[in-house]
Amino acid sequence: MGTLFRISAPLLSFALLAGLVSFVLPAEGVARPKRNPADPGAVVSQQGEKEEKKDAESAGPGGPMDVFGDIELGWKSGNVDLILRHFGTQKVAISVEGTGPSGGTFSRNQSYYLLKDLFRYTITREFEFAQYRKPGEQGGRSYAIWERQYQKSDDGRLIKDKVYVSLHLESDGNRQRWVVDEIKSIR
C-alpha cells in the first residue's frame, strides 16, 4: 500500500488544481491515490489514464508544492515567517506592488521588514492560485502564480494583480531543498 500523507485543505486544493494529485474513494471512504499495478510509481487518474511519475523533489515533503502551500498560507494570513522559512542563502529579488521600495534584491532580514510592511499597509482580500510550472527532469526551477486582490490601507483603493514566485534547488551539504528565488507582482 502507498504512503498516506496528511495535507492541509489549501495545499490539497492547490495540488488538485495543478493536476498533481487525483483520488479514487475506496469503499471505506478514505481518499487514496489509485496505483497502476504494472508500474507502482505511477498514479492512475479516475479515468484510468496513466499520469507521469512524481519524483520526491516535485511532489514529496519539502518539494515545490509544500513551499508554494506555505507561501499561499503565509500570504493569506499575513504570516511573514511562513514565507521566509523558504528563503535560502542567496538574496531574493522582490518587486511587489504595495511595498516601499520599487524592487531589488534583499537579504532574509531585509525581506522580513519589507513583507511585514506590505502586510501592514495592505489588506489582502483574495489570494487564489492561478498557475503552476513543475520542475523539469533535471530539477532546476519551478514557479507559481496567484491572483491577488488587495486594498491599500491609506486610501482604501482595491487593486488586482498577480503574484509570481519562482523557486530553485539549493544544495545544503548532502541535501537539496527548494528555496524562493523571486517574488514579484505582475499585471
C-alpha atoms as a PDB file:
ATOM      1  CA  MET A   1       0.000   0.000   0.000  1.00  0.00           C
ATOM      2  CA  GLY A   2       1.221   3.540  -0.734  1.00  0.00           C
ATOM      3  CA  THR A   3       2.187   6.115   1.843  1.00  0.00           C
ATOM      4  CA  LEU A   4      -0.572   8.348   3.185  1.00  0.00           C
ATOM      5  CA  PHE A   5       0.196  11.988   3.923  1.00  0.00           C
ATOM      6  CA  ARG A   6      -1.837  14.433   5.943  1.00  0.00           C
ATOM      7  CA  ILE A   7      -2.290  17.549   3.864  1.00  0.00           C
ATOM      8  CA  SER A   8      -3.946  20.876   4.611  1.00  0.00           C
ATOM      9  CA  ALA A   9      -7.049  21.908   2.698  1.00  0.00           C
ATOM     10  CA  PRO A  10      -5.374  24.870   0.895  1.00  0.00           C
ATOM     11  CA  LEU A  11      -2.438  22.705  -0.191  1.00  0.00           C
ATOM     12  CA  LEU A  12      -4.771  19.894  -1.297  1.00  0.00           C
ATOM     13  CA  SER A  13      -6.840  22.266  -3.420  1.00  0.00           C
ATOM     14  CA  PHE A  14      -3.605  23.685  -4.862  1.00  0.00           C
ATOM     15  CA  ALA A  15      -2.354  20.168  -5.723  1.00  0.00           C
ATOM     16  CA  LEU A  16      -5.682  19.181  -7.273  1.00  0.00           C
ATOM     17  CA  LEU A  17      -5.815  22.374  -9.367  1.00  0.00           C
ATOM     18  CA  ALA A  18      -2.239  21.834 -10.508  1.00  0.00           C
ATOM     19  CA  GLY A  19      -3.144  18.296 -11.598  1.00  0.00           C
ATOM     20  CA  LEU A  20      -0.528  16.737  -9.333  1.00  0.00           C
ATOM     21  CA  VAL A  21      -2.931  14.522  -7.390  1.00  0.00           C
ATOM     22  CA  SER A  22      -6.035  12.548  -8.276  1.00  0.00           C
ATOM     23  CA  PHE A  23      -8.076  10.419  -5.911  1.00  0.00           C
ATOM     24  CA  VAL A  24     -10.396   7.428  -6.013  1.00  0.00           C
ATOM     25  CA  LEU A  25     -12.610   6.915  -2.969  1.00  0.00           C
ATOM     26  CA  PRO A  26     -12.473   3.291  -1.747  1.00  0.00           C
ATOM     27  CA  ALA A  27     -15.411   1.573  -0.067  1.00  0.00           C
ATOM     28  CA  GLU A  28     -14.298   2.559   3.433  1.00  0.00           C
ATOM     29  CA  GLY A  29     -14.446   6.244   2.403  1.00  0.00           C
ATOM     30  CA  VAL A  30     -10.748   7.075   2.771  1.00  0.00           C
ATOM     31  CA  ALA A  31      -9.268   9.005  -0.152  1.00  0.00           C
ATOM     32  CA  ARG A  32      -6.227   7.227  -1.601  1.00  0.00           C
ATOM     33  CA  PRO A  33      -4.425   7.627  -4.889  1.00  0.00           C
ATOM     34  CA  LYS A  34      -5.131   4.772  -7.293  1.00  0.00           C
ATOM     35  CA  ARG A  35      -1.920   2.964  -8.307  1.00  0.00           C
ATOM     36  CA  ASN A  36      -1.121   1.153 -11.520  1.00  0.00           C
ATOM     37  CA  PRO A  37      -0.169  -2.441 -10.516  1.00  0.00           C
ATOM     38  CA  ALA A  38       2.190  -2.761 -13.503  1.00  0.00           C
ATOM     39  CA  ASP A  39       4.066   0.421 -12.529  1.00  0.00           C
ATOM     40  CA  PRO A  40       3.787   1.103  -8.759  1.00  0.00           C
ATOM     41  CA  GLY A  41       5.411   4.548  -9.077  1.00  0.00           C
ATOM     42  CA  ALA A  42       2.726   5.849 -11.426  1.00  0.00           C
ATOM     43  CA  VAL A  43      -0.614   7.237 -10.332  1.00  0.00           C
ATOM     44  CA  VAL A  44      -3.717   6.413 -12.358  1.00  0.00           C
ATOM     45  CA  SER A  45      -6.415   9.044 -12.781  1.00  0.00           C
ATOM     46  CA  GLN A  46     -10.089   8.260 -12.231  1.00  0.00           C
ATOM     47  CA  GLN A  47     -10.467   7.839 -15.991  1.00  0.00           C
ATOM     48  CA  GLY A  48      -7.721   5.195 -15.929  1.00  0.00           C
ATOM     49  CA  GLU A  49      -5.080   7.131 -17.865  1.00  0.00           C
ATOM     50  CA  LYS A  50      -1.520   6.780 -16.660  1.00  0.00           C
ATOM     51  CA  GLU A  51      -0.113  10.007 -15.300  1.00  0.00           C
ATOM     52  CA  GLU A  52       3.582  10.753 -15.138  1.00  0.00           C
ATOM     53  CA  LYS A  53       5.616   9.594 -12.160  1.00  0.00           C
ATOM     54  CA  LYS A  54       6.041  12.076  -9.375  1.00  0.00           C
ATOM     55  CA  ASP A  55       9.577  12.230  -8.065  1.00  0.00           C
ATOM     56  CA  ALA A  56      10.400  13.061  -4.464  1.00  0.00           C
ATOM     57  CA  GLU A  57      11.604  16.562  -5.310  1.00  0.00           C
ATOM     58  CA  SER A  58       8.456  17.663  -7.127  1.00  0.00           C
ATOM     59  CA  ALA A  59       5.676  16.187  -5.026  1.00  0.00           C
ATOM     60  CA  GLY A  60       7.121  14.892  -1.763  1.00  0.00           C
ATOM     61  CA  PRO A  61       7.792  16.567   1.566  1.00  0.00           C
ATOM     62  CA  GLY A  62       9.957  19.635   1.020  1.00  0.00           C
ATOM     63  CA  GLY A  63       9.092  19.785  -2.692  1.00  0.00           C
ATOM     64  CA  PRO A  64       7.821  22.852  -4.545  1.00  0.00           C
ATOM     65  CA  MET A  65       4.195  22.119  -3.651  1.00  0.00           C
ATOM     66  CA  ASP A  66       4.991  22.301   0.065  1.00  0.00           C
ATOM     67  CA  VAL A  67       6.820  25.594  -0.423  1.00  0.00           C
ATOM     68  CA  PHE A  68       4.009  27.088  -2.521  1.00  0.00           C
ATOM     69  CA  GLY A  69       1.463  25.888   0.048  1.00  0.00           C
ATOM     70  CA  ASP A  70       3.317  27.704   2.837  1.00  0.00           C
ATOM     71  CA  ILE A  71       3.632  30.843   0.724  1.00  0.00           C
ATOM     72  CA  GLU A  72      -0.094  30.841  -0.004  1.00  0.00           C
ATOM     73  CA  LEU A  73      -0.983  30.281   3.643  1.00  0.00           C
ATOM     74  CA  GLY A  74       1.542  32.899   4.791  1.00  0.00           C
ATOM     75  CA  TRP A  75       0.264  35.471   2.311  1.00  0.00           C
ATOM     76  CA  LYS A  76      -3.395  34.912   3.177  1.00  0.00           C
ATOM     77  CA  SER A  77      -2.721  35.134   6.922  1.00  0.00           C
ATOM     78  CA  GLY A  78      -0.031  37.834   6.791  1.00  0.00           C
ATOM     79  CA  ASN A  79       2.474  35.447   8.403  1.00  0.00           C
ATOM     80  CA  VAL A  80       5.889  36.524   7.105  1.00  0.00           C
ATOM     81  CA  ASP A  81       7.682  33.639   8.844  1.00  0.00           C
ATOM     82  CA  LEU A  82       5.835  31.038   6.742  1.00  0.00           C
ATOM     83  CA  ILE A  83       7.245  32.701   3.639  1.00  0.00           C
ATOM     84  CA  LEU A  84      10.749  33.398   4.973  1.00  0.00           C
ATOM     85  CA  ARG A  85      11.328  29.802   6.068  1.00  0.00           C
ATOM     86  CA  HIS A  86      11.764  29.046   2.374  1.00  0.00           C
ATOM     87  CA  PHE A  87      14.435  31.663   1.724  1.00  0.00           C
ATOM     88  CA  GLY A  88      17.891  30.247   1.052  1.00  0.00           C
ATOM     89  CA  THR A  89      21.365  31.653   1.499  1.00  0.00           C
ATOM     90  CA  GLN A  90      21.136  33.981  -1.534  1.00  0.00           C
ATOM     91  CA  LYS A  91      19.343  37.313  -1.680  1.00  0.00           C
ATOM     92  CA  VAL A  92      15.814  37.222  -3.120  1.00  0.00           C
ATOM     93  CA  ALA A  93      14.547  39.530  -5.870  1.00  0.00           C
ATOM     94  CA  ILE A  94      11.375  41.220  -4.601  1.00  0.00           C
ATOM     95  CA  SER A  95       9.228  43.666  -6.541  1.00  0.00           C
ATOM     96  CA  VAL A  96       5.667  43.693  -5.224  1.00  0.00           C
ATOM     97  CA  GLU A  97       3.072  46.458  -5.546  1.00  0.00           C
ATOM     98  CA  GLY A  98       2.200  47.814  -2.126  1.00  0.00           C
ATOM     99  CA  THR A  99       5.753  47.585  -0.740  1.00  0.00           C
ATOM    100  CA  GLY A 100       8.012  50.547  -0.057  1.00  0.00           C
ATOM    101  CA  PRO A 101      10.961  50.181  -2.474  1.00  0.00           C
ATOM    102  CA  SER A 102      10.204  49.705  -6.162  1.00  0.00           C
ATOM    103  CA  GLY A 103      12.192  46.480  -6.234  1.00  0.00           C
ATOM    104  CA  GLY A 104      15.606  44.951  -5.760  1.00  0.00           C
ATOM    105  CA  THR A 105      17.409  42.016  -4.210  1.00  0.00           C
ATOM    106  CA  PHE A 106      17.046  41.665  -0.479  1.00  0.00           C
ATOM    107  CA  SER A 107      18.569  39.611   2.321  1.00  0.00           C
ATOM    108  CA  ARG A 108      16.388  37.495   4.582  1.00  0.00           C
ATOM    109  CA  ASN A 109      16.328  40.242   7.252  1.00  0.00           C
ATOM    110  CA  GLN A 110      15.509  42.993   4.759  1.00  0.00           C
ATOM    111  CA  SER A 111      12.785  40.792   3.235  1.00  0.00           C
ATOM    112  CA  TYR A 112      11.241  40.294   6.668  1.00  0.00           C
ATOM    113  CA  TYR A 113      10.684  44.033   7.134  1.00  0.00           C
ATOM    114  CA  LEU A 114       9.650  44.552   3.516  1.00  0.00           C
ATOM    115  CA  LEU A 115       6.954  41.837   3.691  1.00  0.00           C
ATOM    116  CA  LYS A 116       5.917  42.879   7.209  1.00  0.00           C
ATOM    117  CA  ASP A 117       5.282  46.404   5.927  1.00  0.00           C
ATOM    118  CA  LEU A 118       3.448  45.023   2.887  1.00  0.00           C
ATOM    119  CA  PHE A 119       1.028  43.120   5.126  1.00  0.00           C
ATOM    120  CA  ARG A 120       0.700  46.104   7.482  1.00  0.00           C
ATOM    121  CA  TYR A 121      -0.166  48.650   4.766  1.00  0.00           C
ATOM    122  CA  THR A 122      -2.287  46.443   2.514  1.00  0.00           C
ATOM    123  CA  ILE A 123      -5.209  44.160   3.277  1.00  0.00           C
ATOM    124  CA  THR A 124      -5.227  41.001   1.189  1.00  0.00           C
ATOM    125  CA  ARG A 125      -8.817  40.373   0.089  1.00  0.00           C
ATOM    126  CA  GLU A 126      -8.103  37.464  -2.280  1.00  0.00           C
ATOM    127  CA  PHE A 127      -5.044  35.350  -2.955  1.00  0.00           C
ATOM    128  CA  GLU A 128      -6.019  32.489  -5.241  1.00  0.00           C
ATOM    129  CA  PHE A 129      -3.795  30.017  -7.051  1.00  0.00           C
ATOM    130  CA  ALA A 130      -3.808  30.519 -10.837  1.00  0.00           C
ATOM    131  CA  GLN A 131      -0.866  28.672 -12.405  1.00  0.00           C
ATOM    132  CA  TYR A 132       1.977  26.261 -11.582  1.00  0.00           C
ATOM    133  CA  ARG A 133       5.024  25.110 -13.505  1.00  0.00           C
ATOM    134  CA  LYS A 134       6.600  21.985 -12.153  1.00  0.00           C
ATOM    135  CA  PRO A 135      10.345  21.426 -12.375  1.00  0.00           C
ATOM    136  CA  GLY A 136      11.810  19.609 -15.368  1.00  0.00           C
ATOM    137  CA  GLU A 137      13.600  16.269 -15.321  1.00  0.00           C
ATOM    138  CA  GLN A 138      16.815  17.851 -14.033  1.00  0.00           C
ATOM    139  CA  GLY A 139      15.087  19.718 -11.202  1.00  0.00           C
ATOM    140  CA  GLY A 140      16.003  23.310 -11.984  1.00  0.00           C
ATOM    141  CA  ARG A 141      13.263  25.848 -11.412  1.00  0.00           C
ATOM    142  CA  SER A 142       9.582  25.908 -10.602  1.00  0.00           C
ATOM    143  CA  TYR A 143       7.113  28.756 -10.311  1.00  0.00           C
ATOM    144  CA  ALA A 144       3.560  29.542  -9.286  1.00  0.00           C
ATOM    145  CA  ILE A 145       1.270  32.492  -9.930  1.00  0.00           C
ATOM    146  CA  TRP A 146      -1.545  33.680  -7.685  1.00  0.00           C
ATOM    147  CA  GLU A 147      -4.262  36.209  -8.465  1.00  0.00           C
ATOM    148  CA  ARG A 148      -4.280  38.813  -5.736  1.00  0.00           C
ATOM    149  CA  GLN A 149      -6.809  41.437  -4.783  1.00  0.00           C
ATOM    150  CA  TYR A 150      -5.707  43.824  -2.069  1.00  0.00           C
ATOM    151  CA  GLN A 151      -6.845  47.039  -0.503  1.00  0.00           C
ATOM    152  CA  LYS A 152      -4.485  49.858   0.364  1.00  0.00           C
ATOM    153  CA  SER A 153      -4.992  50.823   3.985  1.00  0.00           C
ATOM    154  CA  ASP A 154      -4.184  54.512   3.409  1.00  0.00           C
ATOM    155  CA  ASP A 155      -6.751  55.366   0.715  1.00  0.00           C
ATOM    156  CA  GLY A 156      -8.927  52.235   0.566  1.00  0.00           C
ATOM    157  CA  ARG A 157      -8.350  51.579  -3.158  1.00  0.00           C
ATOM    158  CA  LEU A 158      -8.984  47.997  -4.274  1.00  0.00           C
ATOM    159  CA  ILE A 159      -6.258  46.735  -6.623  1.00  0.00           C
ATOM    160  CA  LYS A 160      -5.957  43.494  -8.606  1.00  0.00           C
ATOM    161  CA  ASP A 161      -2.704  41.979  -9.791  1.00  0.00           C
ATOM    162  CA  LYS A 162      -0.858  38.670  -9.898  1.00  0.00           C
ATOM    163  CA  VAL A 163       1.967  37.491  -7.679  1.00  0.00           C
ATOM    164  CA  TYR A 164       4.700  35.398  -9.296  1.00  0.00           C
ATOM    165  CA  VAL A 165       7.002  33.292  -7.103  1.00  0.00           C
ATOM    166  CA  SER A 166       9.888  31.286  -8.519  1.00  0.00           C
ATOM    167  CA  LEU A 167      11.914  28.611  -6.738  1.00  0.00           C
ATOM    168  CA  HIS A 168      15.232  26.914  -7.376  1.00  0.00           C
ATOM    169  CA  LEU A 169      17.022  23.963  -5.821  1.00  0.00           C
ATOM    170  CA  GLU A 170      19.709  24.930  -3.331  1.00  0.00           C
ATOM    171  CA  SER A 171      22.302  22.450  -2.085  1.00  0.00           C
ATOM    172  CA  ASP A 172      22.870  22.442   1.650  1.00  0.00           C
ATOM    173  CA  GLY A 173      25.576  19.886   2.355  1.00  0.00           C
ATOM    174  CA  ASN A 174      24.226  16.485   1.351  1.00  0.00           C
ATOM    175  CA  ARG A 175      20.636  17.586   0.843  1.00  0.00           C
ATOM    176  CA  GLN A 176      18.806  19.839  -1.551  1.00  0.00           C
ATOM    177  CA  ARG A 177      15.806  21.991  -0.827  1.00  0.00           C
ATOM    178  CA  TRP A 178      13.542  24.301  -2.786  1.00  0.00           C
ATOM    179  CA  VAL A 179      14.079  27.959  -1.928  1.00  0.00           C
ATOM    180  CA  VAL A 180      12.488  31.213  -3.073  1.00  0.00           C
ATOM    181  CA  ASP A 181      14.336  32.919  -5.899  1.00  0.00           C
ATOM    182  CA  GLU A 182      11.985  35.778  -6.786  1.00  0.00           C
ATOM    183  CA  ILE A 183       8.689  37.339  -5.694  1.00  0.00           C
ATOM    184  CA  LYS A 184       7.098  39.924  -7.965  1.00  0.00           C
ATOM    185  CA  SER A 185       3.731  41.342  -8.846  1.00  0.00           C
ATOM    186  CA  ILE A 186       2.670  41.381 -12.474  1.00  0.00           C
ATOM    187  CA  ARG A 187      -0.359  42.899 -14.156  1.00  0.00           C
END
